[in-house]
Amino acid sequence: MDDDPLACYSYPPLITIRVDLAAEARRLTDSVLSALGRPAPPAEGPFVNLVVRDST
């Protein structure tokens, strides 16, 4: 579940993940360019954050 807004309204509120889609898109683009023989900077990561709520 990609940090669904409804997750905080469930009982108990659900833990979700939040994905940085822009950073992931840059990483994938760099991977494609690298596969085509063009230099690309090394990817940093991870591009996800755990959103902890009361369900633990």
PDB file of N, CA and C in Angstrom:
ATOM      1  N   MET A   1       0.858  -1.169   0.000  1.00  0.00           N
ATOM      2  CA  MET A   1       0.000   0.000   0.000  1.00  0.00           C
ATOM      3  C   MET A   1       0.902   1.229   0.000  1.00  0.00           C
ATOM      4  N   ASP A   2       0.726   2.118  -0.934  1.00  0.00           N
ATOM      5  CA  ASP A   2       1.582   3.286  -1.074  1.00  0.00           C
ATOM      6  C   ASP A   2       1.010   4.463  -0.287  1.00  0.00           C
ATOM      7  N   ASP A   3       1.134   4.416   1.026  1.00  0.00           N
ATOM      8  CA  ASP A   3       0.665   5.462   1.933  1.00  0.00           C
ATOM      9  C   ASP A   3      -0.738   5.945   1.575  1.00  0.00           C
ATOM     10  N   ASP A   4      -1.638   5.009   1.455  1.00  0.00           N
ATOM     11  CA  ASP A   4      -3.030   5.317   1.147  1.00  0.00           C
ATOM     12  C   ASP A   4      -3.588   6.231   2.239  1.00  0.00           C
ATOM     13  N   PRO A   5      -4.206   7.349   1.866  1.00  0.00           N
ATOM     14  CA  PRO A   5      -4.748   8.275   2.872  1.00  0.00           C
ATOM     15  C   PRO A   5      -5.773   7.620   3.804  1.00  0.00           C
ATOM     16  N   LEU A   6      -6.448   6.596   3.331  1.00  0.00           N
ATOM     17  CA  LEU A   6      -7.453   5.931   4.164  1.00  0.00           C
ATOM     18  C   LEU A   6      -6.836   5.048   5.243  1.00  0.00           C
ATOM     19  N   ALA A   7      -5.547   4.731   5.124  1.00  0.00           N
ATOM     20  CA  ALA A   7      -4.899   3.843   6.088  1.00  0.00           C
ATOM     21  C   ALA A   7      -4.908   4.418   7.500  1.00  0.00           C
ATOM     22  N   CYS A   8      -4.868   5.729   7.627  1.00  0.00           N
ATOM     23  CA  CYS A   8      -4.861   6.323   8.972  1.00  0.00           C
ATOM     24  C   CYS A   8      -6.249   6.320   9.611  1.00  0.00           C
ATOM     25  N   TYR A   9      -7.293   6.035   8.828  1.00  0.00           N
ATOM     26  CA  TYR A   9      -8.647   6.019   9.368  1.00  0.00           C
ATOM     27  C   TYR A   9      -9.129   4.626   9.753  1.00  0.00           C
ATOM     28  N   SER A  10      -8.346   3.603   9.446  1.00  0.00           N
ATOM     29  CA  SER A  10      -8.743   2.248   9.832  1.00  0.00           C
ATOM     30  C   SER A  10      -8.451   2.055  11.317  1.00  0.00           C
ATOM     31  N   TYR A  11      -8.961   0.971  11.876  1.00  0.00           N
ATOM     32  CA  TYR A  11      -8.667   0.673  13.277  1.00  0.00           C
ATOM     33  C   TYR A  11      -8.077  -0.718  13.370  1.00  0.00           C
ATOM     34  N   PRO A  12      -6.872  -0.861  13.805  1.00  0.00           N
ATOM     35  CA  PRO A  12      -5.930   0.222  14.107  1.00  0.00           C
ATOM     36  C   PRO A  12      -5.400   0.835  12.809  1.00  0.00           C
ATOM     37  N   PRO A  13      -4.885   2.073  12.880  1.00  0.00           N
ATOM     38  CA  PRO A  13      -4.321   2.703  11.687  1.00  0.00           C
ATOM     39  C   PRO A  13      -3.199   1.832  11.115  1.00  0.00           C
ATOM     40  N   LEU A  14      -3.205   1.640   9.812  1.00  0.00           N
ATOM     41  CA  LEU A  14      -2.275   0.722   9.161  1.00  0.00           C
ATOM     42  C   LEU A  14      -0.919   1.351   8.882  1.00  0.00           C
ATOM     43  N   ILE A  15       0.128   0.527   8.994  1.00  0.00           N
ATOM     44  CA  ILE A  15       1.456   0.947   8.583  1.00  0.00           C
ATOM     45  C   ILE A  15       1.515   0.851   7.058  1.00  0.00           C
ATOM     46  N   THR A  16       2.072   1.857   6.409  1.00  0.00           N
ATOM     47  CA  THR A  16       2.185   1.863   4.952  1.00  0.00           C
ATOM     48  C   THR A  16       3.597   2.282   4.563  1.00  0.00           C
ATOM     49  N   ILE A  17       3.867   2.299   3.271  1.00  0.00           N
ATOM     50  CA  ILE A  17       5.130   2.843   2.773  1.00  0.00           C
ATOM     51  C   ILE A  17       4.823   4.017   1.863  1.00  0.00           C
ATOM     52  N   ARG A  18       5.751   4.944   1.830  1.00  0.00           N
ATOM     53  CA  ARG A  18       5.651   6.103   0.942  1.00  0.00           C
ATOM     54  C   ARG A  18       6.806   6.010  -0.037  1.00  0.00           C
ATOM     55  N   VAL A  19       6.501   6.006  -1.321  1.00  0.00           N
ATOM     56  CA  VAL A  19       7.513   5.860  -2.364  1.00  0.00           C
ATOM     57  C   VAL A  19       7.775   7.224  -2.994  1.00  0.00           C
ATOM     58  N   ASP A  20       9.068   7.589  -3.106  1.00  0.00           N
ATOM     59  CA  ASP A  20       9.454   8.817  -3.798  1.00  0.00           C
ATOM     60  C   ASP A  20       9.491   8.499  -5.295  1.00  0.00           C
ATOM     61  N   LEU A  21       8.369   8.720  -5.973  1.00  0.00           N
ATOM     62  CA  LEU A  21       8.243   8.330  -7.369  1.00  0.00           C
ATOM     63  C   LEU A  21       9.190   9.111  -8.279  1.00  0.00           C
ATOM     64  N   ALA A  22       9.437  10.378  -7.992  1.00  0.00           N
ATOM     65  CA  ALA A  22      10.352  11.162  -8.825  1.00  0.00           C
ATOM     66  C   ALA A  22      11.773  10.607  -8.740  1.00  0.00           C
ATOM     67  N   ALA A  23      12.223  10.265  -7.543  1.00  0.00           N
ATOM     68  CA  ALA A  23      13.567   9.698  -7.376  1.00  0.00           C
ATOM     69  C   ALA A  23      13.658   8.323  -8.032  1.00  0.00           C
ATOM     70  N   GLU A  24      12.603   7.535  -7.915  1.00  0.00           N
ATOM     71  CA  GLU A  24      12.598   6.213  -8.540  1.00  0.00           C
ATOM     72  C   GLU A  24      12.625   6.343 -10.062  1.00  0.00           C
ATOM     73  N   ALA A  25      11.896   7.310 -10.605  1.00  0.00           N
ATOM     74  CA  ALA A  25      11.901   7.538 -12.054  1.00  0.00           C
ATOM     75  C   ALA A  25      13.294   7.960 -12.535  1.00  0.00           C
ATOM     76  N   ARG A  26      13.963   8.816 -11.763  1.00  0.00           N
ATOM     77  CA  ARG A  26      15.339   9.215 -12.124  1.00  0.00           C
ATOM     78  C   ARG A  26      16.264   8.014 -12.118  1.00  0.00           C
ATOM     79  N   ARG A  27      16.133   7.144 -11.109  1.00  0.00           N
ATOM     80  CA  ARG A  27      16.988   5.962 -11.023  1.00  0.00           C
ATOM     81  C   ARG A  27      16.757   5.038 -12.216  1.00  0.00           C
ATOM     82  N   LEU A  28      15.499   4.826 -12.570  1.00  0.00           N
ATOM     83  CA  LEU A  28      15.190   3.960 -13.704  1.00  0.00           C
ATOM     84  C   LEU A  28      15.686   4.566 -15.017  1.00  0.00           C
ATOM     85  N   THR A  29      15.545   5.874 -15.180  1.00  0.00           N
ATOM     86  CA  THR A  29      16.040   6.546 -16.382  1.00  0.00           C
ATOM     87  C   THR A  29      17.554   6.411 -16.474  1.00  0.00           C
ATOM     88  N   ASP A  30      18.241   6.614 -15.362  1.00  0.00           N
ATOM     89  CA  ASP A  30      19.701   6.457 -15.343  1.00  0.00           C
ATOM     90  C   ASP A  30      20.101   5.025 -15.696  1.00  0.00           C
ATOM     91  N   SER A  31      19.334   4.043 -15.234  1.00  0.00           N
ATOM     92  CA  SER A  31      19.629   2.643 -15.553  1.00  0.00           C
ATOM     93  C   SER A  31      19.491   2.373 -17.046  1.00  0.00           C
ATOM     94  N   VAL A  32      18.459   2.923 -17.661  1.00  0.00           N
ATOM     95  CA  VAL A  32      18.258   2.740 -19.101  1.00  0.00           C
ATOM     96  C   VAL A  32      19.387   3.408 -19.870  1.00  0.00           C
ATOM     97  N   LEU A  33      19.736   4.641 -19.488  1.00  0.00           N
ATOM     98  CA  LEU A  33      20.825   5.341 -20.176  1.00  0.00           C
ATOM     99  C   LEU A  33      22.144   4.602 -20.016  1.00  0.00           C
ATOM    100  N   SER A  34      22.378   4.050 -18.835  1.00  0.00           N
ATOM    101  CA  SER A  34      23.589   3.271 -18.598  1.00  0.00           C
ATOM    102  C   SER A  34      23.614   2.024 -19.470  1.00  0.00           C
ATOM    103  N   ALA A  35      22.475   1.371 -19.624  1.00  0.00           N
ATOM    104  CA  ALA A  35      22.387   0.184 -20.479  1.00  0.00           C
ATOM    105  C   ALA A  35      22.652   0.530 -21.937  1.00  0.00           C
ATOM    106  N   LEU A  36      22.363   1.771 -22.308  1.00  0.00           N
ATOM    107  CA  LEU A  36      22.614   2.228 -23.679  1.00  0.00           C
ATOM    108  C   LEU A  36      24.046   2.728 -23.864  1.00  0.00           C
ATOM    109  N   GLY A  37      24.848   2.640 -22.808  1.00  0.00           N
ATOM    110  CA  GLY A  37      26.248   3.025 -22.905  1.00  0.00           C
ATOM    111  C   GLY A  37      26.529   4.470 -22.557  1.00  0.00           C
ATOM    112  N   ARG A  38      25.566   5.165 -22.009  1.00  0.00           N
ATOM    113  CA  ARG A  38      25.773   6.560 -21.602  1.00  0.00           C
ATOM    114  C   ARG A  38      26.063   6.593 -20.108  1.00  0.00           C
ATOM    115  N   PRO A  39      27.038   7.378 -19.706  1.00  0.00           N
ATOM    116  CA  PRO A  39      27.362   7.416 -18.267  1.00  0.00           C
ATOM    117  C   PRO A  39      26.210   8.002 -17.455  1.00  0.00           C
ATOM    118  N   ALA A  40      26.009   7.438 -16.303  1.00  0.00           N
ATOM    119  CA  ALA A  40      24.974   7.920 -15.390  1.00  0.00           C
ATOM    120  C   ALA A  40      25.549   7.935 -13.983  1.00  0.00           C
ATOM    121  N   PRO A  41      25.137   8.909 -13.169  1.00  0.00           N
ATOM    122  CA  PRO A  41      25.618   8.934 -11.782  1.00  0.00           C
ATOM    123  C   PRO A  41      25.075   7.741 -11.010  1.00  0.00           C
ATOM    124  N   PRO A  42      25.800   7.300  -9.988  1.00  0.00           N
ATOM    125  CA  PRO A  42      25.303   6.168  -9.190  1.00  0.00           C
ATOM    126  C   PRO A  42      24.003   6.538  -8.477  1.00  0.00           C
ATOM    127  N   ALA A  43      23.113   5.583  -8.397  1.00  0.00           N
ATOM    128  CA  ALA A  43      21.821   5.811  -7.748  1.00  0.00           C
ATOM    129  C   ALA A  43      21.982   5.816  -6.235  1.00  0.00           C
ATOM    130  N   GLU A  44      21.217   6.663  -5.601  1.00  0.00           N
ATOM    131  CA  GLU A  44      21.157   6.687  -4.142  1.00  0.00           C
ATOM    132  C   GLU A  44      19.820   6.073  -3.744  1.00  0.00           C
ATOM    133  N   GLY A  45      19.713   5.678  -2.533  1.00  0.00           N
ATOM    134  CA  GLY A  45      18.441   5.086  -2.127  1.00  0.00           C
ATOM    135  C   GLY A  45      18.488   4.726  -0.664  1.00  0.00           C
ATOM    136  N   PRO A  46      17.527   4.148  -0.131  1.00  0.00           N
ATOM    137  CA  PRO A  46      16.295   3.694  -0.769  1.00  0.00           C
ATOM    138  C   PRO A  46      15.327   4.855  -0.991  1.00  0.00           C
ATOM    139  N   PHE A  47      14.371   4.635  -1.862  1.00  0.00           N
ATOM    140  CA  PHE A  47      13.416   5.672  -2.211  1.00  0.00           C
ATOM    141  C   PHE A  47      12.057   5.424  -1.571  1.00  0.00           C
ATOM    142  N   VAL A  48      12.047   4.716  -0.461  1.00  0.00           N
ATOM    143  CA  VAL A  48      10.804   4.449   0.261  1.00  0.00           C
ATOM    144  C   VAL A  48      10.980   4.829   1.724  1.00  0.00           C
ATOM    145  N   ASN A  49       9.891   5.248   2.329  1.00  0.00           N
ATOM    146  CA  ASN A  49       9.856   5.552   3.759  1.00  0.00           C
ATOM    147  C   ASN A  49       8.718   4.766   4.380  1.00  0.00           C
ATOM    148  N   LEU A  50       8.971   4.217   5.538  1.00  0.00           N
ATOM    149  CA  LEU A  50       7.952   3.500   6.281  1.00  0.00           C
ATOM    150  C   LEU A  50       7.145   4.520   7.084  1.00  0.00           C
ATOM    151  N   VAL A  51       5.818   4.498   6.909  1.00  0.00           N
ATOM    152  CA  VAL A  51       4.937   5.379   7.655  1.00  0.00           C
ATOM    153  C   VAL A  51       4.323   4.548   8.780  1.00  0.00           C
ATOM    154  N   VAL A  52       4.846   4.716   9.984  1.00  0.00           N
ATOM    155  CA  VAL A  52       4.429   3.900  11.123  1.00  0.00           C
ATOM    156  C   VAL A  52       3.245   4.568  11.808  1.00  0.00           C
ATOM    157  N   ARG A  53       2.216   3.763  11.997  1.00  0.00           N
ATOM    158  CA  ARG A  53       1.037   4.234  12.725  1.00  0.00           C
ATOM    159  C   ARG A  53       0.825   3.297  13.903  1.00  0.00           C
ATOM    160  N   ASP A  54      -0.340   3.286  14.493  1.00  0.00           N
ATOM    161  CA  ASP A  54      -0.590   2.550  15.736  1.00  0.00           C
ATOM    162  C   ASP A  54      -0.829   1.057  15.575  1.00  0.00           C
ATOM    163  N   SER A  55      -0.605   0.481  14.416  1.00  0.00           N
ATOM    164  CA  SER A  55      -0.929  -0.932  14.240  1.00  0.00           C
ATOM    165  C   SER A  55       0.214  -1.858  14.647  1.00  0.00           C
ATOM    166  N   THR A  56       1.299  -1.328  15.188  1.00  0.00           N
ATOM    167  CA  THR A  56       2.415  -2.188  15.597  1.00  0.00           C
ATOM    168  C   THR A  56       2.180  -2.774  16.969  1.00  0.00           C
TER     169      THR A  56
END
